[in-house]
Amino acid sequence: MKIKDGFVLKTIGDNHIVVPLGAQAVDFRCMITLNDTGAFLWEKLAEEQTTASLLQALLAEYAVDEETAQKDVDAFLNNLRENDLLEESL
């Protein structure tokens, strides 16, 4: 899975904002802001990732236990799916 084409992450000060580009901007009807952890995972999803690879990256980057990290990854991926931002591999 990875982020669909047509979306970029912009950081303005301490704020991380998902911005639609081109044709995506026409149909995109919400604003998504991310915390630092979300921005970290978003950047990882610029390339094809698995849930396991995202979990391992989060554990390597942050001082967090595996259960909490798994919950965070799952919640983040669900948010991306709900907003149709995620391109799933077949």
C-alpha atoms as a PDB file:
ATOM      1  CA  MET A   1       0.000   0.000   0.000  1.00  0.00           C
ATOM      2  CA  LYS A   2       1.005   3.600  -0.518  1.00  0.00           C
ATOM      3  CA  ILE A   3      -0.459   7.096  -0.702  1.00  0.00           C
ATOM      4  CA  LYS A   4      -2.485   7.712  -3.861  1.00  0.00           C
ATOM      5  CA  ASP A   5      -1.008  10.023  -6.454  1.00  0.00           C
ATOM      6  CA  GLY A   6      -2.289  13.574  -6.295  1.00  0.00           C
ATOM      7  CA  PHE A   7      -1.747  14.232  -2.589  1.00  0.00           C
ATOM      8  CA  VAL A   8       1.221  15.796  -0.829  1.00  0.00           C
ATOM      9  CA  LEU A   9       2.055  16.639   2.746  1.00  0.00           C
ATOM     10  CA  LYS A  10       2.914  20.256   3.486  1.00  0.00           C
ATOM     11  CA  THR A  11       4.456  21.344   6.764  1.00  0.00           C
ATOM     12  CA  ILE A  12       3.767  24.893   7.857  1.00  0.00           C
ATOM     13  CA  GLY A  13       5.339  25.682  11.199  1.00  0.00           C
ATOM     14  CA  ASP A  14       4.360  22.787  13.446  1.00  0.00           C
ATOM     15  CA  ASN A  15       1.351  21.818  11.315  1.00  0.00           C
ATOM     16  CA  HIS A  16       1.316  18.946   8.803  1.00  0.00           C
ATOM     17  CA  ILE A  17      -1.481  19.307   6.236  1.00  0.00           C
ATOM     18  CA  VAL A  18      -2.514  16.940   3.427  1.00  0.00           C
ATOM     19  CA  VAL A  19      -2.998  18.930   0.223  1.00  0.00           C
ATOM     20  CA  PRO A  20      -4.736  17.595  -2.908  1.00  0.00           C
ATOM     21  CA  LEU A  21      -3.220  18.460  -6.275  1.00  0.00           C
ATOM     22  CA  GLY A  22      -4.718  18.708  -9.755  1.00  0.00           C
ATOM     23  CA  ALA A  23      -7.876  16.682 -10.343  1.00  0.00           C
ATOM     24  CA  GLN A  24      -7.851  15.434  -6.747  1.00  0.00           C
ATOM     25  CA  ALA A  25      -8.521  18.981  -5.525  1.00  0.00           C
ATOM     26  CA  VAL A  26     -11.918  19.020  -7.260  1.00  0.00           C
ATOM     27  CA  ASP A  27     -13.379  16.079  -5.321  1.00  0.00           C
ATOM     28  CA  PHE A  28     -11.497  16.421  -2.035  1.00  0.00           C
ATOM     29  CA  ARG A  29     -13.977  17.790   0.494  1.00  0.00           C
ATOM     30  CA  CYS A  30     -12.121  17.793   3.794  1.00  0.00           C
ATOM     31  CA  MET A  31      -8.950  18.996   5.430  1.00  0.00           C
ATOM     32  CA  ILE A  32      -6.595  16.498   6.992  1.00  0.00           C
ATOM     33  CA  THR A  33      -3.989  17.559   9.481  1.00  0.00           C
ATOM     34  CA  LEU A  34      -1.453  15.122  10.872  1.00  0.00           C
ATOM     35  CA  ASN A  35       0.601  15.049  14.037  1.00  0.00           C
ATOM     36  CA  ASP A  36       4.319  14.259  13.869  1.00  0.00           C
ATOM     37  CA  THR A  37       3.698  10.504  13.995  1.00  0.00           C
ATOM     38  CA  GLY A  38       1.128  10.720  11.208  1.00  0.00           C
ATOM     39  CA  ALA A  39       3.507  12.804   9.091  1.00  0.00           C
ATOM     40  CA  PHE A  40       6.253  10.222   9.691  1.00  0.00           C
ATOM     41  CA  LEU A  41       3.981   7.388   8.524  1.00  0.00           C
ATOM     42  CA  TRP A  42       2.723   9.453   5.567  1.00  0.00           C
ATOM     43  CA  GLU A  43       6.284   9.955   4.358  1.00  0.00           C
ATOM     44  CA  LYS A  44       6.953   6.212   4.678  1.00  0.00           C
ATOM     45  CA  LEU A  45       3.883   5.594   2.519  1.00  0.00           C
ATOM     46  CA  ALA A  46       5.374   7.571  -0.364  1.00  0.00           C
ATOM     47  CA  GLU A  47       6.733   4.142  -1.323  1.00  0.00           C
ATOM     48  CA  GLU A  48       5.045   0.750  -1.122  1.00  0.00           C
ATOM     49  CA  GLN A  49       4.767  -0.437   2.496  1.00  0.00           C
ATOM     50  CA  THR A  50       3.136  -3.186   4.502  1.00  0.00           C
ATOM     51  CA  THR A  51       1.469  -2.765   7.860  1.00  0.00           C
ATOM     52  CA  ALA A  52       4.382  -4.696   9.381  1.00  0.00           C
ATOM     53  CA  SER A  53       6.995  -2.417   7.792  1.00  0.00           C
ATOM     54  CA  LEU A  54       5.174   0.675   9.075  1.00  0.00           C
ATOM     55  CA  LEU A  55       5.020  -0.838  12.559  1.00  0.00           C
ATOM     56  CA  GLN A  56       8.749  -1.604  12.533  1.00  0.00           C
ATOM     57  CA  ALA A  57       9.579   1.910  11.291  1.00  0.00           C
ATOM     58  CA  LEU A  58       7.465   3.457  14.048  1.00  0.00           C
ATOM     59  CA  LEU A  59       9.096   1.285  16.715  1.00  0.00           C
ATOM     60  CA  ALA A  60      12.562   2.220  15.429  1.00  0.00           C
ATOM     61  CA  GLU A  61      11.797   5.958  15.381  1.00  0.00           C
ATOM     62  CA  TYR A  62       9.769   6.461  18.570  1.00  0.00           C
ATOM     63  CA  ALA A  63       9.983   5.235  22.159  1.00  0.00           C
ATOM     64  CA  VAL A  64       6.663   3.385  22.132  1.00  0.00           C
ATOM     65  CA  ASP A  65       5.583  -0.119  23.028  1.00  0.00           C
ATOM     66  CA  GLU A  66       4.518  -2.466  20.238  1.00  0.00           C
ATOM     67  CA  GLU A  67       0.838  -2.636  21.256  1.00  0.00           C
ATOM     68  CA  THR A  68       0.461   1.150  21.225  1.00  0.00           C
ATOM     69  CA  ALA A  69       2.390   1.446  17.953  1.00  0.00           C
ATOM     70  CA  GLN A  70       0.168  -1.197  16.316  1.00  0.00           C
ATOM     71  CA  LYS A  71      -2.967   0.631  17.410  1.00  0.00           C
ATOM     72  CA  ASP A  72      -1.568   3.907  16.048  1.00  0.00           C
ATOM     73  CA  VAL A  73      -0.643   2.351  12.687  1.00  0.00           C
ATOM     74  CA  ASP A  74      -4.058   0.679  12.373  1.00  0.00           C
ATOM     75  CA  ALA A  75      -5.920   3.898  13.238  1.00  0.00           C
ATOM     76  CA  PHE A  76      -3.811   5.910  10.799  1.00  0.00           C
ATOM     77  CA  LEU A  77      -4.371   3.432   7.952  1.00  0.00           C
ATOM     78  CA  ASN A  78      -8.113   3.330   8.678  1.00  0.00           C
ATOM     79  CA  ASN A  79      -8.228   7.140   8.504  1.00  0.00           C
ATOM     80  CA  LEU A  80      -6.460   7.071   5.133  1.00  0.00           C
ATOM     81  CA  ARG A  81      -8.868   4.417   3.844  1.00  0.00           C
ATOM     82  CA  GLU A  82     -11.927   6.361   5.047  1.00  0.00           C
ATOM     83  CA  ASN A  83     -10.695   9.411   3.144  1.00  0.00           C
ATOM     84  CA  ASP A  84      -9.726   7.385   0.052  1.00  0.00           C
ATOM     85  CA  LEU A  85      -6.065   8.383   0.265  1.00  0.00           C
ATOM     86  CA  LEU A  86      -4.574   4.922   0.259  1.00  0.00           C
ATOM     87  CA  GLU A  87      -3.716   2.852  -2.794  1.00  0.00           C
ATOM     88  CA  GLU A  88      -3.892  -0.804  -1.804  1.00  0.00           C
ATOM     89  CA  SER A  89      -1.719  -3.395  -3.522  1.00  0.00           C
ATOM     90  CA  LEU A  90      -3.475  -6.320  -5.115  1.00  0.00           C
END
